[in-house]
Protein backbone atom coordinates (compact mmCIF):
# COMPACT_ATOMS: atom_id res chain seq x y z
CA MET A 1 -181.23 -44.19 38.70
CA ASP A 2 -179.99 -47.79 38.93
CA ALA A 3 -176.82 -48.89 37.11
CA SER A 4 -178.63 -50.98 34.48
CA ARG A 5 -180.88 -48.10 33.44
CA ALA A 6 -177.93 -45.69 33.40
CA ALA A 7 -176.02 -48.02 31.06
CA ASP A 8 -178.95 -47.86 28.61
CA ASN A 9 -178.74 -44.07 28.43
CA LEU A 10 -176.29 -42.36 26.10
CA ILE A 11 -176.96 -38.92 27.60
CA GLU A 12 -177.88 -38.02 31.17
CA ILE A 13 -178.53 -34.50 32.45
CA SER A 14 -179.20 -33.69 36.06
CA GLY A 15 -179.66 -30.39 37.90
CA LEU A 16 -178.58 -28.38 34.86
CA ARG A 17 -178.48 -24.62 35.40
CA PHE A 18 -177.29 -22.16 32.77
CA SER A 19 -177.73 -18.43 32.25
CA ARG A 20 -176.89 -15.92 29.57
CA GLY A 21 -176.31 -12.67 31.39
CA SER A 22 -179.33 -12.10 33.62
CA ARG A 23 -181.52 -14.50 31.63
CA LEU A 24 -181.94 -17.96 33.15
CA ILE A 25 -182.07 -20.59 30.37
CA PHE A 26 -182.04 -23.83 32.38
CA ASP A 27 -183.18 -24.08 35.98
CA GLY A 28 -182.57 -27.61 37.29
CA LEU A 29 -183.16 -29.40 33.96
CA GLU A 30 -183.33 -33.20 34.17
CA LEU A 31 -183.51 -35.68 31.29
CA ALA A 32 -182.07 -38.97 30.04
CA ILE A 33 -181.79 -40.11 26.43
CA PRO A 34 -181.67 -43.86 25.77
CA ARG A 35 -179.35 -45.46 23.25
CA GLY A 36 -180.72 -46.48 19.87
CA SER A 37 -183.71 -44.15 19.99
CA ILE A 38 -184.95 -41.05 18.23
CA THR A 39 -185.60 -38.44 20.88
CA ALA A 40 -187.27 -35.12 20.16
CA ILE A 41 -186.55 -32.02 22.20
CA MET A 42 -189.37 -29.53 21.71
CA GLY A 43 -190.65 -26.33 23.18
CA PRO A 44 -191.60 -22.76 22.34
CA SER A 45 -189.01 -20.56 20.64
CA GLY A 46 -186.30 -19.27 22.94
CA THR A 47 -186.46 -22.08 25.49
CA GLY A 48 -182.87 -23.23 24.95
CA LYS A 49 -183.25 -26.22 22.64
CA THR A 50 -180.21 -25.41 20.49
CA THR A 51 -178.33 -24.32 23.62
CA LEU A 52 -178.86 -27.84 24.96
CA LEU A 53 -177.21 -29.34 21.86
CA ARG A 54 -174.22 -27.09 22.51
CA MET A 55 -174.03 -28.49 26.02
CA PHE A 56 -173.84 -32.02 24.56
CA THR A 57 -170.93 -31.05 22.29
CA GLY A 58 -169.07 -29.07 24.93
CA GLN A 59 -169.39 -25.73 23.18
CA LEU A 60 -171.06 -24.38 26.31
CA LYS A 61 -170.49 -25.32 29.94
CA PRO A 62 -173.20 -25.38 32.61
CA ASP A 63 -173.20 -23.02 35.55
CA ALA A 64 -174.18 -25.98 37.73
CA GLY A 65 -175.31 -29.56 37.31
CA SER A 66 -174.16 -32.47 35.20
CA VAL A 67 -174.12 -33.19 31.44
CA GLN A 68 -172.87 -36.71 30.73
CA VAL A 69 -172.45 -38.15 27.23
CA ALA A 70 -171.43 -41.81 26.93
CA GLY A 71 -170.60 -41.81 30.63
CA GLN A 72 -168.26 -38.81 30.39
CA GLU A 73 -168.78 -35.49 32.16
CA VAL A 74 -168.50 -33.19 29.15
CA ALA A 75 -167.51 -30.02 31.01
CA ARG A 76 -164.56 -31.77 32.69
CA LEU A 77 -162.99 -33.25 29.56
CA SER A 78 -159.59 -32.11 28.37
CA ARG A 79 -159.46 -30.68 24.86
CA PRO A 80 -158.12 -33.93 23.29
CA ASP A 81 -160.77 -35.99 25.09
CA LEU A 82 -163.51 -33.53 24.07
CA TYR A 83 -162.43 -33.73 20.43
CA ALA A 84 -162.41 -37.53 20.67
CA LEU A 85 -165.97 -37.43 22.03
CA ARG A 86 -167.06 -35.07 19.25
CA ARG A 87 -165.77 -37.54 16.65
CA ARG A 88 -168.43 -39.90 17.97
CA MET A 89 -171.10 -37.32 17.09
CA GLY A 90 -172.58 -36.00 13.86
CA MET A 91 -174.35 -32.66 13.58
CA LEU A 92 -176.91 -31.45 11.06
CA PHE A 93 -177.23 -27.68 11.33
CA GLN A 94 -180.47 -25.78 10.80
CA ASN A 95 -179.21 -24.00 7.67
CA SER A 96 -177.24 -27.08 6.46
CA ALA A 97 -173.97 -25.05 6.76
CA LEU A 98 -172.43 -26.41 3.56
CA LEU A 99 -169.05 -24.96 2.57
CA THR A 100 -169.97 -22.82 -0.42
CA ASP A 101 -166.61 -23.14 -2.23
CA PHE A 102 -166.56 -26.95 -1.98
CA SER A 103 -168.43 -29.40 -4.18
CA VAL A 104 -170.98 -31.79 -2.70
CA PHE A 105 -168.32 -34.51 -2.71
CA GLU A 106 -165.77 -32.33 -0.92
CA ASN A 107 -168.34 -31.16 1.65
CA VAL A 108 -168.99 -34.76 2.67
CA ALA A 109 -165.30 -35.64 2.46
CA PHE A 110 -164.26 -32.72 4.69
CA PRO A 111 -164.71 -34.46 8.10
CA VAL A 112 -162.90 -37.54 6.79
CA ARG A 113 -159.93 -35.51 5.56
CA GLU A 114 -159.77 -33.62 8.86
CA ASN A 115 -159.95 -36.65 11.13
CA THR A 116 -158.39 -39.58 9.25
CA ARG A 117 -155.60 -40.45 6.83
CA LEU A 118 -157.64 -42.58 4.44
CA HIS A 119 -156.24 -43.31 1.01
CA GLU A 120 -158.06 -41.28 -1.64
CA ARG A 121 -159.61 -44.33 -3.25
CA LEU A 122 -161.08 -45.52 0.05
CA LEU A 123 -162.19 -41.99 0.92
CA ARG A 124 -163.99 -41.79 -2.42
CA ASN A 125 -165.83 -45.04 -1.70
CA VAL A 126 -166.87 -43.84 1.77
CA VAL A 127 -168.17 -40.51 0.47
CA LEU A 128 -170.07 -42.01 -2.45
CA THR A 129 -171.60 -44.62 -0.14
CA LYS A 130 -172.92 -41.91 2.19
CA LEU A 131 -174.22 -39.84 -0.72
CA HIS A 132 -175.92 -42.93 -2.12
CA SER A 133 -177.63 -43.51 1.24
CA VAL A 134 -179.31 -40.10 0.95
CA GLY A 135 -180.10 -40.51 -2.75
CA LEU A 136 -177.54 -37.96 -4.04
CA ARG A 137 -174.61 -39.97 -5.39
CA GLY A 138 -175.34 -38.41 -8.80
CA ALA A 139 -174.96 -34.90 -7.33
CA ALA A 140 -171.38 -35.41 -6.11
CA ASP A 141 -169.87 -32.87 -8.51
CA LEU A 142 -172.49 -30.14 -7.97
CA MET A 143 -171.79 -27.00 -5.96
CA PRO A 144 -174.01 -25.97 -3.02
CA SER A 145 -175.43 -23.07 -5.07
CA GLU A 146 -176.83 -25.64 -7.53
CA LEU A 147 -178.78 -27.53 -4.87
CA SER A 148 -182.37 -27.10 -3.73
CA GLY A 149 -183.01 -26.63 -0.02
CA GLY A 150 -184.02 -30.26 0.38
CA MET A 151 -180.93 -31.51 -1.49
CA ALA A 152 -178.67 -29.32 0.65
CA ARG A 153 -180.23 -30.78 3.79
CA ARG A 154 -179.57 -34.31 2.54
CA VAL A 155 -175.95 -33.49 1.70
CA ALA A 156 -175.56 -32.12 5.22
CA MET A 157 -177.02 -35.36 6.54
CA ALA A 158 -174.50 -37.41 4.54
CA ARG A 159 -171.70 -35.26 5.95
CA ALA A 160 -173.02 -35.72 9.50
CA MET A 161 -172.96 -39.51 9.03
CA VAL A 162 -169.69 -39.88 7.14
CA LEU A 163 -167.58 -40.77 10.20
CA ASP A 164 -170.17 -43.34 11.34
CA PRO A 165 -171.04 -41.52 14.57
CA GLU A 166 -172.74 -43.04 17.57
CA LEU A 167 -174.87 -39.95 18.12
CA LEU A 168 -176.58 -37.73 15.52
CA LEU A 169 -177.82 -34.26 16.48
CA TYR A 170 -180.40 -32.54 14.28
CA ASP A 171 -181.07 -28.83 14.82
CA GLU A 172 -184.45 -27.93 13.25
CA PRO A 173 -183.95 -30.31 10.29
CA PHE A 174 -187.38 -29.57 8.77
CA SER A 175 -187.07 -25.79 8.63
CA GLY A 176 -187.84 -24.32 5.21
CA LEU A 177 -188.48 -27.63 3.43
CA ASP A 178 -191.28 -28.28 0.96
CA PRO A 179 -193.60 -31.22 1.78
CA ILE A 180 -191.76 -33.70 -0.46
CA SER A 181 -188.31 -32.79 0.87
CA LEU A 182 -189.65 -32.86 4.42
CA GLY A 183 -191.02 -36.36 3.89
CA VAL A 184 -187.67 -37.51 2.50
CA VAL A 185 -185.75 -36.11 5.48
CA LEU A 186 -188.19 -37.70 7.94
CA ARG A 187 -187.76 -41.06 6.22
CA LEU A 188 -183.96 -40.78 6.20
CA ILE A 189 -183.79 -39.92 9.90
CA ARG A 190 -185.83 -43.00 10.79
CA LEU A 191 -184.12 -45.37 8.32
CA ASN A 192 -180.59 -44.31 9.18
CA ASN A 193 -181.23 -44.46 12.91
CA ASP A 194 -182.57 -48.01 12.68
CA ALA A 195 -180.17 -49.34 10.03
CA LEU A 196 -177.02 -47.95 11.64
CA GLY A 197 -178.02 -48.39 15.29
CA LEU A 198 -177.66 -44.70 16.02
CA THR A 199 -179.00 -42.52 18.78
CA SER A 200 -180.67 -39.47 17.24
CA ILE A 201 -181.70 -36.24 18.95
CA VAL A 202 -183.98 -33.96 16.96
CA VAL A 203 -184.53 -30.38 18.11
CA SER A 204 -187.76 -29.18 16.54
CA HIS A 205 -190.99 -27.31 17.11
CA ASP A 206 -192.68 -29.06 14.16
CA VAL A 207 -195.04 -31.19 16.20
CA ALA A 208 -196.87 -32.99 13.40
CA GLU A 209 -193.65 -33.97 11.65
CA ILE A 210 -191.73 -35.17 14.67
CA ALA A 211 -194.68 -37.27 15.81
CA HIS A 212 -194.09 -39.56 12.82
CA ILE A 213 -190.59 -40.61 13.84
CA ALA A 214 -189.85 -39.84 17.51
CA ASP A 215 -189.74 -42.66 20.03
CA HIS A 216 -189.81 -40.19 22.91
CA CYS A 217 -190.28 -36.45 23.33
CA PHE A 218 -189.28 -33.89 25.92
CA VAL A 219 -191.04 -30.52 26.09
CA ILE A 220 -188.94 -27.75 27.64
CA SER A 221 -190.26 -24.49 29.01
CA GLU A 222 -189.09 -22.02 31.67
CA GLY A 223 -185.82 -23.88 32.17
CA LYS A 224 -187.25 -27.30 32.93
CA VAL A 225 -188.76 -30.37 31.28
CA ILE A 226 -192.48 -29.80 31.69
CA ALA A 227 -193.57 -33.03 29.97
CA SER A 228 -192.11 -36.15 28.42
CA GLY A 229 -193.47 -39.22 26.68
CA ARG A 230 -194.54 -40.48 23.29
CA PRO A 231 -196.02 -37.87 20.94
CA ASP A 232 -199.52 -39.31 21.32
CA GLU A 233 -199.21 -39.15 25.11
CA LEU A 234 -198.19 -35.49 25.04
CA ALA A 235 -201.20 -34.58 22.91
CA ASN A 236 -203.38 -35.69 25.84
CA SER A 237 -201.25 -34.09 28.55
CA GLU A 238 -202.89 -32.62 31.63
CA SER A 239 -200.71 -29.53 31.22
CA GLU A 240 -202.51 -26.69 29.47
CA LEU A 241 -199.17 -25.33 28.19
CA VAL A 242 -198.18 -28.70 26.69
CA ARG A 243 -201.57 -29.08 25.00
CA GLN A 244 -201.30 -25.55 23.60
CA PHE A 245 -197.87 -26.32 22.18
CA MET A 246 -198.87 -29.70 20.73
CA THR A 247 -202.04 -28.35 19.11
CA GLY A 248 -200.68 -24.97 18.04
CA ALA A 249 -203.44 -23.01 19.76
CA ALA A 250 -202.97 -19.25 19.32
CA ASP A 251 -203.92 -18.39 22.88
CA GLY A 252 -203.40 -20.08 26.23
CA PRO A 253 -200.65 -20.03 28.85
CA VAL A 254 -198.51 -18.48 26.11
CA PRO A 255 -200.83 -15.53 25.37
CA PHE A 256 -201.61 -14.05 21.96
CA HIS A 257 -201.31 -10.50 23.30
CA TYR A 258 -198.03 -9.17 24.63
CA PRO A 259 -198.57 -7.46 28.03
CA ALA A 260 -199.87 -3.94 27.42
CA PRO A 261 -201.81 -1.16 29.16
CA ASP A 262 -205.58 -1.06 29.03
CA TYR A 263 -206.56 -0.86 25.34
CA ARG A 264 -209.18 1.91 25.73
CA GLN A 265 -206.96 4.03 27.95
CA GLN A 266 -204.03 3.67 25.58
CA LEU A 267 -206.14 4.74 22.58
CA LEU A 268 -207.43 7.77 24.49
CA GLY A 269 -203.96 8.56 25.77
CA THR A 270 -205.11 8.56 29.38
CA TYR A 271 -202.91 5.82 30.84
């Protein structure tokens, strides 16, 4: 890759190999994520999508290969440098991961209190601004138990953005949302990415939803990127597996039936 193209990429992965025990998760994975874009990472369940996010944040280290974020080799960073890199990231967890004993305001304020020494009045303005951007300034004094699933997801989004990160990571952000809440979250991901000049990475298997906002998609299977492109391009992929995933077909390269003995022989007990 030439230097000019590399400078346009916030994340670059090359030759990534990673295993959990005897199970190979990544086998020579290669991908690059450009700055300022919304990139979707998709694939069947169990293909390592969330594991890849943990590689970006340095929670996991590769067995081989390179994971570079903002030009830094994540696995080689010292602890202070890794923490500094993480402060340039925001993370929205699949289950929102709100602190149950903290109010909405204090949940969003938590990263600010942990990483800065802002005066309380300025901190209050920052938190209320972020809550306003997700439409929940009026919910600042509520507790997480008083929120709907969609509201909790939006609070988690405000918390992920409160330190004005360069990179936002979304782990299955549409899981469990009703259609209205899902539409709101989709809109916020797109608006915030464009308005704040972020780079957003969305891990999801919700094909129809992600097609509305993603600039580029990667489909991962069997440890590698098996297809990449715009959502409309992937729908017309030559790969039977990619088409099955994009259309949600029940049978195909990923079979409906788990491998089993001959049906008749098993019923008769003769196998």
